[in-house]
Amino acid sequence: MQTFTDHVDHELTEAELPVMAARLTLPDGWMYKAKTLDRDLTITTDGLANIVPDNLANMYQGCIDGANSFDPWD
């Protein structure tokens, strides 16, 4: 998740993020999983960023083709 907002659901809080997957409608091929990172994750782009919104107006950027500084799921 790149940005979090409560503009659509005014009751949404950061504490709910780990269990929010069931509430989301994401594009085909995308999934929502939450993880607290132990270091900073950097995602760089080379002119093209894969950014998509969910149905609650949160925004996501994909970690594809080596764009991320490490794989957070390893």
N, C-alpha and C. Protein backbone atom coordinates (compact mmCIF):
# COMPACT_ATOMS: atom_id res chain seq x y z
N MET A 1 0.85 -1.17 0.00
CA MET A 1 0.00 0.00 0.00
C MET A 1 0.90 1.23 0.00
N GLN A 2 0.62 2.10 -0.92
CA GLN A 2 1.41 3.33 -1.03
C GLN A 2 0.77 4.45 -0.21
N THR A 3 -0.55 4.55 -0.27
CA THR A 3 -1.26 5.55 0.53
C THR A 3 -2.51 4.94 1.14
N PHE A 4 -2.84 5.38 2.34
CA PHE A 4 -4.02 4.95 3.09
C PHE A 4 -4.91 6.17 3.28
N THR A 5 -6.21 5.98 3.14
CA THR A 5 -7.14 7.09 3.34
C THR A 5 -8.41 6.60 4.03
N ASP A 6 -9.05 7.49 4.74
CA ASP A 6 -10.36 7.19 5.31
C ASP A 6 -11.44 8.05 4.64
N HIS A 7 -11.18 8.50 3.43
CA HIS A 7 -12.14 9.36 2.71
C HIS A 7 -13.41 8.62 2.33
N VAL A 8 -13.33 7.34 2.00
CA VAL A 8 -14.51 6.56 1.62
C VAL A 8 -15.17 5.96 2.86
N ASP A 9 -14.38 5.35 3.71
CA ASP A 9 -14.87 4.76 4.96
C ASP A 9 -14.25 5.57 6.11
N HIS A 10 -15.03 6.46 6.66
CA HIS A 10 -14.52 7.36 7.70
C HIS A 10 -14.17 6.64 9.00
N GLU A 11 -14.60 5.39 9.13
CA GLU A 11 -14.30 4.61 10.33
C GLU A 11 -13.02 3.78 10.17
N LEU A 12 -12.45 3.73 8.97
CA LEU A 12 -11.26 2.92 8.72
C LEU A 12 -10.06 3.50 9.47
N THR A 13 -9.34 2.62 10.16
CA THR A 13 -8.16 3.05 10.90
C THR A 13 -6.96 2.23 10.48
N GLU A 14 -5.79 2.73 10.79
CA GLU A 14 -4.55 2.01 10.49
C GLU A 14 -4.52 0.64 11.18
N ALA A 15 -5.12 0.53 12.35
CA ALA A 15 -5.15 -0.73 13.09
C ALA A 15 -5.89 -1.83 12.34
N GLU A 16 -6.80 -1.46 11.44
CA GLU A 16 -7.58 -2.44 10.67
C GLU A 16 -6.86 -2.96 9.42
N LEU A 17 -5.74 -2.36 9.07
CA LEU A 17 -5.06 -2.74 7.83
C LEU A 17 -4.69 -4.22 7.74
N PRO A 18 -4.24 -4.87 8.81
CA PRO A 18 -3.87 -6.29 8.69
C PRO A 18 -5.03 -7.21 8.29
N VAL A 19 -6.27 -6.82 8.56
CA VAL A 19 -7.41 -7.70 8.28
C VAL A 19 -8.36 -7.11 7.23
N MET A 20 -7.88 -6.21 6.44
CA MET A 20 -8.72 -5.49 5.49
C MET A 20 -8.94 -6.23 4.17
N ALA A 21 -8.24 -7.29 3.89
CA ALA A 21 -8.30 -7.96 2.58
C ALA A 21 -9.71 -8.32 2.15
N ALA A 22 -10.53 -8.79 3.06
CA ALA A 22 -11.89 -9.23 2.72
C ALA A 22 -12.77 -8.08 2.25
N ARG A 23 -12.42 -6.87 2.57
CA ARG A 23 -13.24 -5.70 2.21
C ARG A 23 -12.87 -5.10 0.86
N LEU A 24 -11.77 -5.55 0.28
CA LEU A 24 -11.23 -4.86 -0.89
C LEU A 24 -11.62 -5.51 -2.21
N THR A 25 -11.73 -4.66 -3.20
CA THR A 25 -11.89 -5.09 -4.58
C THR A 25 -10.65 -4.59 -5.32
N LEU A 26 -9.80 -5.52 -5.72
CA LEU A 26 -8.56 -5.16 -6.42
C LEU A 26 -8.60 -5.69 -7.84
N PRO A 27 -7.80 -5.15 -8.73
CA PRO A 27 -7.75 -5.64 -10.10
C PRO A 27 -7.29 -7.10 -10.16
N ASP A 28 -7.64 -7.79 -11.23
CA ASP A 28 -7.18 -9.16 -11.43
C ASP A 28 -5.68 -9.24 -11.29
N GLY A 29 -5.21 -10.26 -10.60
CA GLY A 29 -3.78 -10.47 -10.41
C GLY A 29 -3.20 -9.79 -9.20
N TRP A 30 -3.94 -8.89 -8.57
CA TRP A 30 -3.46 -8.20 -7.37
C TRP A 30 -4.06 -8.87 -6.14
N MET A 31 -3.31 -8.86 -5.04
CA MET A 31 -3.82 -9.37 -3.78
C MET A 31 -3.36 -8.45 -2.66
N TYR A 32 -4.07 -8.50 -1.55
CA TYR A 32 -3.72 -7.67 -0.41
C TYR A 32 -3.23 -8.57 0.71
N LYS A 33 -2.02 -8.30 1.19
CA LYS A 33 -1.47 -8.95 2.37
C LYS A 33 -0.79 -7.85 3.17
N ALA A 34 -0.86 -7.95 4.48
CA ALA A 34 -0.23 -6.94 5.33
C ALA A 34 0.96 -7.53 6.05
N LYS A 35 2.01 -6.72 6.17
CA LYS A 35 3.20 -7.15 6.89
C LYS A 35 3.88 -5.90 7.44
N THR A 36 4.31 -5.98 8.68
CA THR A 36 5.09 -4.90 9.27
C THR A 36 6.55 -5.16 8.95
N LEU A 37 7.17 -4.22 8.27
CA LEU A 37 8.56 -4.40 7.82
C LEU A 37 9.55 -4.05 8.91
N ASP A 38 10.70 -4.72 8.87
CA ASP A 38 11.75 -4.45 9.85
C ASP A 38 12.81 -3.47 9.32
N ARG A 39 12.61 -3.01 8.09
CA ARG A 39 13.50 -2.01 7.49
C ARG A 39 12.74 -1.30 6.38
N ASP A 40 13.30 -0.20 5.89
CA ASP A 40 12.64 0.58 4.85
C ASP A 40 12.62 -0.18 3.52
N LEU A 41 11.49 -0.17 2.87
CA LEU A 41 11.33 -0.74 1.53
C LEU A 41 11.33 0.41 0.55
N THR A 42 12.20 0.34 -0.46
CA THR A 42 12.26 1.36 -1.49
C THR A 42 11.81 0.74 -2.81
N ILE A 43 10.89 1.42 -3.48
CA ILE A 43 10.43 0.98 -4.80
C ILE A 43 10.80 2.09 -5.77
N THR A 44 11.60 1.75 -6.76
CA THR A 44 12.00 2.73 -7.76
C THR A 44 11.35 2.39 -9.09
N THR A 45 11.13 3.39 -9.89
CA THR A 45 10.55 3.17 -11.21
C THR A 45 11.48 3.76 -12.26
N ASP A 46 11.33 3.27 -13.44
CA ASP A 46 12.12 3.75 -14.56
C ASP A 46 11.20 4.45 -15.56
N GLY A 47 10.37 5.34 -15.03
CA GLY A 47 9.45 6.08 -15.89
C GLY A 47 8.05 5.51 -15.91
N LEU A 48 7.85 4.27 -15.41
CA LEU A 48 6.53 3.66 -15.40
C LEU A 48 6.28 3.08 -14.02
N ALA A 49 5.23 3.54 -13.37
CA ALA A 49 4.85 3.01 -12.06
C ALA A 49 3.52 2.29 -12.21
N ASN A 50 3.44 1.11 -11.65
CA ASN A 50 2.19 0.34 -11.66
C ASN A 50 1.43 0.66 -10.38
N ILE A 51 0.54 1.65 -10.45
CA ILE A 51 -0.21 2.11 -9.29
C ILE A 51 -1.69 1.88 -9.55
N VAL A 52 -2.36 1.25 -8.58
CA VAL A 52 -3.80 0.99 -8.72
C VAL A 52 -4.51 1.37 -7.42
N PRO A 53 -5.79 1.77 -7.54
CA PRO A 53 -6.58 2.06 -6.34
C PRO A 53 -7.42 0.84 -5.96
N ASP A 54 -7.85 0.80 -4.72
CA ASP A 54 -8.86 -0.18 -4.32
C ASP A 54 -10.20 0.53 -4.18
N ASN A 55 -11.23 -0.19 -3.80
CA ASN A 55 -12.57 0.39 -3.69
C ASN A 55 -12.72 1.34 -2.49
N LEU A 56 -11.70 1.44 -1.63
CA LEU A 56 -11.74 2.38 -0.51
C LEU A 56 -10.85 3.59 -0.75
N ALA A 57 -10.33 3.72 -1.97
CA ALA A 57 -9.49 4.85 -2.41
C ALA A 57 -8.07 4.80 -1.85
N ASN A 58 -7.62 3.64 -1.37
CA ASN A 58 -6.22 3.46 -1.02
C ASN A 58 -5.46 3.19 -2.31
N MET A 59 -4.18 3.52 -2.35
CA MET A 59 -3.39 3.35 -3.56
C MET A 59 -2.25 2.37 -3.31
N TYR A 60 -1.93 1.60 -4.35
CA TYR A 60 -0.90 0.57 -4.26
C TYR A 60 0.08 0.71 -5.42
N GLN A 61 1.34 0.40 -5.14
CA GLN A 61 2.34 0.34 -6.19
C GLN A 61 2.93 -1.06 -6.19
N GLY A 62 3.00 -1.65 -7.34
CA GLY A 62 3.50 -3.02 -7.45
C GLY A 62 5.01 -3.12 -7.34
N CYS A 63 5.46 -4.19 -6.72
CA CYS A 63 6.89 -4.51 -6.64
C CYS A 63 7.17 -5.51 -7.75
N ILE A 64 7.54 -5.01 -8.92
CA ILE A 64 7.75 -5.91 -10.05
C ILE A 64 9.12 -5.67 -10.68
N ASP A 65 9.61 -6.68 -11.36
CA ASP A 65 10.82 -6.58 -12.17
C ASP A 65 12.00 -5.95 -11.43
N GLY A 66 12.20 -6.32 -10.19
CA GLY A 66 13.35 -5.83 -9.44
C GLY A 66 13.26 -4.38 -9.02
N ALA A 67 12.06 -3.81 -9.04
CA ALA A 67 11.90 -2.41 -8.68
C ALA A 67 12.03 -2.16 -7.18
N ASN A 68 11.94 -3.21 -6.38
CA ASN A 68 11.98 -3.05 -4.93
C ASN A 68 13.37 -3.37 -4.38
N SER A 69 13.71 -2.74 -3.25
CA SER A 69 15.04 -2.89 -2.65
C SER A 69 15.22 -4.26 -2.01
N PHE A 70 14.13 -4.93 -1.66
CA PHE A 70 14.16 -6.31 -1.16
C PHE A 70 12.76 -6.88 -1.28
N ASP A 71 12.65 -8.19 -1.23
CA ASP A 71 11.35 -8.85 -1.30
C ASP A 71 10.80 -8.96 0.12
N PRO A 72 9.75 -8.23 0.43
CA PRO A 72 9.23 -8.24 1.80
C PRO A 72 8.62 -9.57 2.21
N TRP A 73 8.41 -10.48 1.27
CA TRP A 73 7.77 -11.76 1.59
C TRP A 73 8.78 -12.88 1.75
N ASP A 74 10.08 -12.59 1.54
CA ASP A 74 11.13 -13.62 1.76
C ASP A 74 11.41 -13.76 3.22
